[in-house]
Amino acid sequence: MGTTATVSAVLAAAEEAGQASPWPIYFMFAVAGLMVGATISAYQNDAKKLTVFCALVAAAAVATAVVMLIGGVR
């Protein structure tokens, strides 16, 4: 049994047990991290509007990931 088959079997078992996949949560935290980096970069370049936009997107991504993590969204 290959690694891909093992991962597929684990994910299938989790789906049958009623557990959602954790990948959307990982993705949202990754988006939040990238947006924090973009916020810092925009701030250093004195782009105020872009800084605010990136900060708001980062905050929304973190909030979404936390809500998904505690089980508010499935």
PDB file of N, CA and C in Angstrom:
ATOM      1  N   MET A   1       0.849  -1.170   0.000  1.00  0.00           N
ATOM      2  CA  MET A   1       0.000   0.000   0.000  1.00  0.00           C
ATOM      3  C   MET A   1       0.893   1.232   0.000  1.00  0.00           C
ATOM      4  N   GLY A   2       0.704   2.112  -0.973  1.00  0.00           N
ATOM      5  CA  GLY A   2       1.538   3.300  -1.097  1.00  0.00           C
ATOM      6  C   GLY A   2       1.112   4.405  -0.142  1.00  0.00           C
ATOM      7  N   THR A   3       1.934   5.441  -0.079  1.00  0.00           N
ATOM      8  CA  THR A   3       1.652   6.574   0.799  1.00  0.00           C
ATOM      9  C   THR A   3       0.351   7.259   0.410  1.00  0.00           C
ATOM     10  N   THR A   4       0.138   7.423  -0.888  1.00  0.00           N
ATOM     11  CA  THR A   4      -1.079   8.077  -1.362  1.00  0.00           C
ATOM     12  C   THR A   4      -2.308   7.265  -0.978  1.00  0.00           C
ATOM     13  N   ALA A   5      -2.220   5.964  -1.097  1.00  0.00           N
ATOM     14  CA  ALA A   5      -3.342   5.103  -0.732  1.00  0.00           C
ATOM     15  C   ALA A   5      -3.597   5.170   0.774  1.00  0.00           C
ATOM     16  N   THR A   6      -2.529   5.266   1.558  1.00  0.00           N
ATOM     17  CA  THR A   6      -2.683   5.349   3.011  1.00  0.00           C
ATOM     18  C   THR A   6      -3.367   6.649   3.412  1.00  0.00           C
ATOM     19  N   VAL A   7      -2.927   7.750   2.814  1.00  0.00           N
ATOM     20  CA  VAL A   7      -3.533   9.049   3.112  1.00  0.00           C
ATOM     21  C   VAL A   7      -4.991   9.046   2.692  1.00  0.00           C
ATOM     22  N   SER A   8      -5.277   8.481   1.534  1.00  0.00           N
ATOM     23  CA  SER A   8      -6.660   8.403   1.056  1.00  0.00           C
ATOM     24  C   SER A   8      -7.518   7.563   1.994  1.00  0.00           C
ATOM     25  N   ALA A   9      -6.957   6.476   2.507  1.00  0.00           N
ATOM     26  CA  ALA A   9      -7.707   5.620   3.426  1.00  0.00           C
ATOM     27  C   ALA A   9      -7.995   6.349   4.741  1.00  0.00           C
ATOM     28  N   VAL A  10      -7.021   7.093   5.229  1.00  0.00           N
ATOM     29  CA  VAL A  10      -7.219   7.842   6.482  1.00  0.00           C
ATOM     30  C   VAL A  10      -8.275   8.921   6.290  1.00  0.00           C
ATOM     31  N   LEU A  11      -8.195   9.662   5.169  1.00  0.00           N
ATOM     32  CA  LEU A  11      -9.185  10.706   4.912  1.00  0.00           C
ATOM     33  C   LEU A  11     -10.580  10.118   4.712  1.00  0.00           C
ATOM     34  N   ALA A  12     -10.665   8.968   4.054  1.00  0.00           N
ATOM     35  CA  ALA A  12     -11.959   8.321   3.860  1.00  0.00           C
ATOM     36  C   ALA A  12     -12.540   7.871   5.197  1.00  0.00           C
ATOM     37  N   ALA A  13     -11.690   7.350   6.073  1.00  0.00           N
ATOM     38  CA  ALA A  13     -12.160   6.927   7.389  1.00  0.00           C
ATOM     39  C   ALA A  13     -12.639   8.123   8.205  1.00  0.00           C
ATOM     40  N   ALA A  14     -11.947   9.246   8.093  1.00  0.00           N
ATOM     41  CA  ALA A  14     -12.349  10.454   8.818  1.00  0.00           C
ATOM     42  C   ALA A  14     -13.681  10.971   8.292  1.00  0.00           C
ATOM     43  N   GLU A  15     -13.879  10.910   6.980  1.00  0.00           N
ATOM     44  CA  GLU A  15     -15.145  11.350   6.388  1.00  0.00           C
ATOM     45  C   GLU A  15     -16.301  10.478   6.874  1.00  0.00           C
ATOM     46  N   GLU A  16     -16.069   9.167   6.950  1.00  0.00           N
ATOM     47  CA  GLU A  16     -17.110   8.250   7.404  1.00  0.00           C
ATOM     48  C   GLU A  16     -17.428   8.465   8.873  1.00  0.00           C
ATOM     49  N   ALA A  17     -16.431   8.867   9.657  1.00  0.00           N
ATOM     50  CA  ALA A  17     -16.635   9.096  11.085  1.00  0.00           C
ATOM     51  C   ALA A  17     -17.290  10.441  11.345  1.00  0.00           C
ATOM     52  N   GLY A  18     -17.511  11.231  10.299  1.00  0.00           N
ATOM     53  CA  GLY A  18     -18.164  12.512  10.464  1.00  0.00           C
ATOM     54  C   GLY A  18     -17.197  13.654  10.740  1.00  0.00           C
ATOM     55  N   GLN A  19     -15.906  13.417  10.600  1.00  0.00           N
ATOM     56  CA  GLN A  19     -14.919  14.457  10.823  1.00  0.00           C
ATOM     57  C   GLN A  19     -14.578  15.110   9.491  1.00  0.00           C
ATOM     58  N   ALA A  20     -14.488  16.436   9.509  1.00  0.00           N
ATOM     59  CA  ALA A  20     -14.149  17.158   8.292  1.00  0.00           C
ATOM     60  C   ALA A  20     -12.644  17.131   8.073  1.00  0.00           C
ATOM     61  N   SER A  21     -12.237  17.365   6.864  1.00  0.00           N
ATOM     62  CA  SER A  21     -10.820  17.419   6.530  1.00  0.00           C
ATOM     63  C   SER A  21     -10.195  18.679   7.137  1.00  0.00           C
ATOM     64  N   PRO A  22      -8.976  18.584   7.657  1.00  0.00           N
ATOM     65  CA  PRO A  22      -8.337  19.753   8.264  1.00  0.00           C
ATOM     66  C   PRO A  22      -7.692  20.693   7.245  1.00  0.00           C
ATOM     67  N   TRP A  23      -7.659  20.323   5.976  1.00  0.00           N
ATOM     68  CA  TRP A  23      -6.939  21.117   4.984  1.00  0.00           C
ATOM     69  C   TRP A  23      -7.475  22.527   4.796  1.00  0.00           C
ATOM     70  N   PRO A  24      -8.781  22.758   4.824  1.00  0.00           N
ATOM     71  CA  PRO A  24      -9.238  24.154   4.713  1.00  0.00           C
ATOM     72  C   PRO A  24      -8.737  25.046   5.852  1.00  0.00           C
ATOM     73  N   ILE A  25      -8.592  24.469   7.032  1.00  0.00           N
ATOM     74  CA  ILE A  25      -8.079  25.232   8.168  1.00  0.00           C
ATOM     75  C   ILE A  25      -6.614  25.580   7.934  1.00  0.00           C
ATOM     76  N   TYR A  26      -5.832  24.606   7.486  1.00  0.00           N
ATOM     77  CA  TYR A  26      -4.428  24.862   7.178  1.00  0.00           C
ATOM     78  C   TYR A  26      -4.309  25.943   6.103  1.00  0.00           C
ATOM     79  N   PHE A  27      -5.161  25.858   5.094  1.00  0.00           N
ATOM     80  CA  PHE A  27      -5.135  26.823   4.001  1.00  0.00           C
ATOM     81  C   PHE A  27      -5.427  28.231   4.515  1.00  0.00           C
ATOM     82  N   MET A  28      -6.415  28.376   5.386  1.00  0.00           N
ATOM     83  CA  MET A  28      -6.770  29.703   5.899  1.00  0.00           C
ATOM     84  C   MET A  28      -5.645  30.279   6.748  1.00  0.00           C
ATOM     85  N   PHE A  29      -4.977  29.459   7.553  1.00  0.00           N
ATOM     86  CA  PHE A  29      -3.837  29.959   8.323  1.00  0.00           C
ATOM     87  C   PHE A  29      -2.689  30.352   7.394  1.00  0.00           C
ATOM     88  N   ALA A  30      -2.492  29.624   6.307  1.00  0.00           N
ATOM     89  CA  ALA A  30      -1.448  29.978   5.339  1.00  0.00           C
ATOM     90  C   ALA A  30      -1.770  31.307   4.658  1.00  0.00           C
ATOM     91  N   VAL A  31      -3.027  31.483   4.289  1.00  0.00           N
ATOM     92  CA  VAL A  31      -3.449  32.755   3.690  1.00  0.00           C
ATOM     93  C   VAL A  31      -3.233  33.898   4.678  1.00  0.00           C
ATOM     94  N   ALA A  32      -3.579  33.667   5.927  1.00  0.00           N
ATOM     95  CA  ALA A  32      -3.390  34.705   6.952  1.00  0.00           C
ATOM     96  C   ALA A  32      -1.908  35.060   7.095  1.00  0.00           C
ATOM     97  N   GLY A  33      -1.056  34.069   7.094  1.00  0.00           N
ATOM     98  CA  GLY A  33       0.377  34.330   7.210  1.00  0.00           C
ATOM     99  C   GLY A  33       0.918  35.114   6.028  1.00  0.00           C
ATOM    100  N   LEU A  34       0.488  34.747   4.831  1.00  0.00           N
ATOM    101  CA  LEU A  34       0.915  35.491   3.647  1.00  0.00           C
ATOM    102  C   LEU A  34       0.414  36.927   3.684  1.00  0.00           C
ATOM    103  N   MET A  35      -0.799  37.115   4.158  1.00  0.00           N
ATOM    104  CA  MET A  35      -1.344  38.468   4.222  1.00  0.00           C
ATOM    105  C   MET A  35      -0.672  39.314   5.296  1.00  0.00           C
ATOM    106  N   VAL A  36      -0.228  38.706   6.364  1.00  0.00           N
ATOM    107  CA  VAL A  36       0.533  39.448   7.372  1.00  0.00           C
ATOM    108  C   VAL A  36       1.848  39.920   6.758  1.00  0.00           C
ATOM    109  N   GLY A  37       2.491  39.060   5.994  1.00  0.00           N
ATOM    110  CA  GLY A  37       3.712  39.463   5.294  1.00  0.00           C
ATOM    111  C   GLY A  37       3.457  40.587   4.303  1.00  0.00           C
ATOM    112  N   ALA A  38       2.345  40.511   3.585  1.00  0.00           N
ATOM    113  CA  ALA A  38       1.987  41.564   2.640  1.00  0.00           C
ATOM    114  C   ALA A  38       1.689  42.867   3.373  1.00  0.00           C
ATOM    115  N   THR A  39       1.069  42.762   4.548  1.00  0.00           N
ATOM    116  CA  THR A  39       0.783  43.953   5.345  1.00  0.00           C
ATOM    117  C   THR A  39       2.072  44.640   5.771  1.00  0.00           C
ATOM    118  N   ILE A  40       3.030  43.870   6.236  1.00  0.00           N
ATOM    119  CA  ILE A  40       4.316  44.437   6.657  1.00  0.00           C
ATOM    120  C   ILE A  40       5.017  45.087   5.468  1.00  0.00           C
ATOM    121  N   SER A  41       4.999  44.420   4.338  1.00  0.00           N
ATOM    122  CA  SER A  41       5.639  44.964   3.143  1.00  0.00           C
ATOM    123  C   SER A  41       4.974  46.264   2.697  1.00  0.00           C
ATOM    124  N   ALA A  42       3.651  46.288   2.691  1.00  0.00           N
ATOM    125  CA  ALA A  42       2.930  47.502   2.295  1.00  0.00           C
ATOM    126  C   ALA A  42       3.183  48.636   3.276  1.00  0.00           C
ATOM    127  N   TYR A  43       3.264  48.331   4.551  1.00  0.00           N
ATOM    128  CA  TYR A  43       3.534  49.349   5.568  1.00  0.00           C
ATOM    129  C   TYR A  43       4.918  49.961   5.366  1.00  0.00           C
ATOM    130  N   GLN A  44       5.898  49.118   5.053  1.00  0.00           N
ATOM    131  CA  GLN A  44       7.258  49.614   4.838  1.00  0.00           C
ATOM    132  C   GLN A  44       7.365  50.487   3.589  1.00  0.00           C
ATOM    133  N   ASN A  45       6.464  50.281   2.641  1.00  0.00           N
ATOM    134  CA  ASN A  45       6.458  51.075   1.409  1.00  0.00           C
ATOM    135  C   ASN A  45       5.492  52.255   1.480  1.00  0.00           C
ATOM    136  N   ASP A  46       4.969  52.541   2.657  1.00  0.00           N
ATOM    137  CA  ASP A  46       4.050  53.669   2.884  1.00  0.00           C
ATOM    138  C   ASP A  46       2.794  53.619   2.017  1.00  0.00           C
ATOM    139  N   ALA A  47       2.302  52.423   1.750  1.00  0.00           N
ATOM    140  CA  ALA A  47       1.061  52.252   1.008  1.00  0.00           C
ATOM    141  C   ALA A  47      -0.057  52.041   2.029  1.00  0.00           C
ATOM    142  N   LYS A  48      -0.637  53.132   2.485  1.00  0.00           N
ATOM    143  CA  LYS A  48      -1.597  53.066   3.594  1.00  0.00           C
ATOM    144  C   LYS A  48      -2.860  52.274   3.253  1.00  0.00           C
ATOM    145  N   LYS A  49      -3.422  52.517   2.082  1.00  0.00           N
ATOM    146  CA  LYS A  49      -4.656  51.809   1.712  1.00  0.00           C
ATOM    147  C   LYS A  49      -4.409  50.307   1.569  1.00  0.00           C
ATOM    148  N   LEU A  50      -3.292  49.955   0.952  1.00  0.00           N
ATOM    149  CA  LEU A  50      -2.965  48.539   0.792  1.00  0.00           C
ATOM    150  C   LEU A  50      -2.662  47.893   2.143  1.00  0.00           C
ATOM    151  N   THR A  51      -2.031  48.651   3.042  1.00  0.00           N
ATOM    152  CA  THR A  51      -1.749  48.137   4.379  1.00  0.00           C
ATOM    153  C   THR A  51      -3.043  47.788   5.103  1.00  0.00           C
ATOM    154  N   VAL A  52      -4.000  48.687   5.047  1.00  0.00           N
ATOM    155  CA  VAL A  52      -5.289  48.448   5.716  1.00  0.00           C
ATOM    156  C   VAL A  52      -6.008  47.267   5.085  1.00  0.00           C
ATOM    157  N   PHE A  53      -6.013  47.205   3.760  1.00  0.00           N
ATOM    158  CA  PHE A  53      -6.684  46.104   3.069  1.00  0.00           C
ATOM    159  C   PHE A  53      -6.072  44.757   3.443  1.00  0.00           C
ATOM    160  N   CYS A  54      -4.744  44.677   3.387  1.00  0.00           N
ATOM    161  CA  CYS A  54      -4.066  43.412   3.706  1.00  0.00           C
ATOM    162  C   CYS A  54      -4.287  43.018   5.162  1.00  0.00           C
ATOM    163  N   ALA A  55      -4.289  43.996   6.056  1.00  0.00           N
ATOM    164  CA  ALA A  55      -4.526  43.703   7.470  1.00  0.00           C
ATOM    165  C   ALA A  55      -5.939  43.174   7.691  1.00  0.00           C
ATOM    166  N   LEU A  56      -6.910  43.765   7.001  1.00  0.00           N
ATOM    167  CA  LEU A  56      -8.295  43.293   7.143  1.00  0.00           C
ATOM    168  C   LEU A  56      -8.462  41.874   6.589  1.00  0.00           C
ATOM    169  N   VAL A  57      -7.828  41.596   5.457  1.00  0.00           N
ATOM    170  CA  VAL A  57      -7.909  40.242   4.888  1.00  0.00           C
ATOM    171  C   VAL A  57      -7.226  39.232   5.811  1.00  0.00           C
ATOM    172  N   ALA A  58      -6.090  39.622   6.384  1.00  0.00           N
ATOM    173  CA  ALA A  58      -5.390  38.729   7.320  1.00  0.00           C
ATOM    174  C   ALA A  58      -6.252  38.456   8.552  1.00  0.00           C
ATOM    175  N   ALA A  59      -6.881  39.494   9.078  1.00  0.00           N
ATOM    176  CA  ALA A  59      -7.736  39.317  10.251  1.00  0.00           C
ATOM    177  C   ALA A  59      -8.939  38.424   9.932  1.00  0.00           C
ATOM    178  N   ALA A  60      -9.510  38.617   8.757  1.00  0.00           N
ATOM    179  CA  ALA A  60     -10.648  37.785   8.350  1.00  0.00           C
ATOM    180  C   ALA A  60     -10.225  36.330   8.170  1.00  0.00           C
ATOM    181  N   ALA A  61      -9.049  36.110   7.621  1.00  0.00           N
ATOM    182  CA  ALA A  61      -8.561  34.735   7.423  1.00  0.00           C
ATOM    183  C   ALA A  61      -8.309  34.055   8.763  1.00  0.00           C
ATOM    184  N   VAL A  62      -7.714  34.783   9.711  1.00  0.00           N
ATOM    185  CA  VAL A  62      -7.481  34.201  11.043  1.00  0.00           C
ATOM    186  C   VAL A  62      -8.806  33.898  11.730  1.00  0.00           C
ATOM    187  N   ALA A  63      -9.739  34.835  11.653  1.00  0.00           N
ATOM    188  CA  ALA A  63     -11.047  34.623  12.287  1.00  0.00           C
ATOM    189  C   ALA A  63     -11.761  33.416  11.675  1.00  0.00           C
ATOM    190  N   THR A  64     -11.708  33.299  10.360  1.00  0.00           N
ATOM    191  CA  THR A  64     -12.338  32.162   9.686  1.00  0.00           C
ATOM    192  C   THR A  64     -11.688  30.850  10.098  1.00  0.00           C
ATOM    193  N   ALA A  65     -10.367  30.832  10.147  1.00  0.00           N
ATOM    194  CA  ALA A  65      -9.649  29.606  10.538  1.00  0.00           C
ATOM    195  C   ALA A  65      -9.981  29.210  11.970  1.00  0.00           C
ATOM    196  N   VAL A  66     -10.063  30.180  12.862  1.00  0.00           N
ATOM    197  CA  VAL A  66     -10.372  29.860  14.270  1.00  0.00           C
ATOM    198  C   VAL A  66     -11.802  29.334  14.394  1.00  0.00           C
ATOM    199  N   VAL A  67     -12.739  29.950  13.689  1.00  0.00           N
ATOM    200  CA  VAL A  67     -14.122  29.472  13.740  1.00  0.00           C
ATOM    201  C   VAL A  67     -14.215  28.047  13.182  1.00  0.00           C
ATOM    202  N   MET A  68     -13.493  27.798  12.094  1.00  0.00           N
ATOM    203  CA  MET A  68     -13.478  26.446  11.537  1.00  0.00           C
ATOM    204  C   MET A  68     -12.812  25.465  12.500  1.00  0.00           C
ATOM    205  N   LEU A  69     -11.775  25.928  13.202  1.00  0.00           N
ATOM    206  CA  LEU A  69     -11.041  25.064  14.115  1.00  0.00           C
ATOM    207  C   LEU A  69     -11.890  24.647  15.309  1.00  0.00           C
ATOM    208  N   ILE A  70     -12.716  25.562  15.828  1.00  0.00           N
ATOM    209  CA  ILE A  70     -13.531  25.220  16.988  1.00  0.00           C
ATOM    210  C   ILE A  70     -14.832  24.531  16.588  1.00  0.00           C
ATOM    211  N   GLY A  71     -15.037  24.377  15.293  1.00  0.00           N
ATOM    212  CA  GLY A  71     -16.178  23.597  14.839  1.00  0.00           C
ATOM    213  C   GLY A  71     -17.403  24.404  14.505  1.00  0.00           C
ATOM    214  N   GLY A  72     -17.270  25.699  14.355  1.00  0.00           N
ATOM    215  CA  GLY A  72     -18.415  26.529  14.010  1.00  0.00           C
ATOM    216  C   GLY A  72     -18.859  26.354  12.571  1.00  0.00           C
ATOM    217  N   VAL A  73     -17.938  25.962  11.700  1.00  0.00           N
ATOM    218  CA  VAL A  73     -18.237  25.779  10.277  1.00  0.00           C
ATOM    219  C   VAL A  73     -17.743  24.401   9.880  1.00  0.00           C
ATOM    220  N   ARG A  74     -18.578  23.629   9.248  1.00  0.00           N
ATOM    221  CA  ARG A  74     -18.172  22.295   8.776  1.00  0.00           C
ATOM    222  C   ARG A  74     -18.559  22.150   7.349  1.00  0.00           C
TER     223      ARG A  74
END
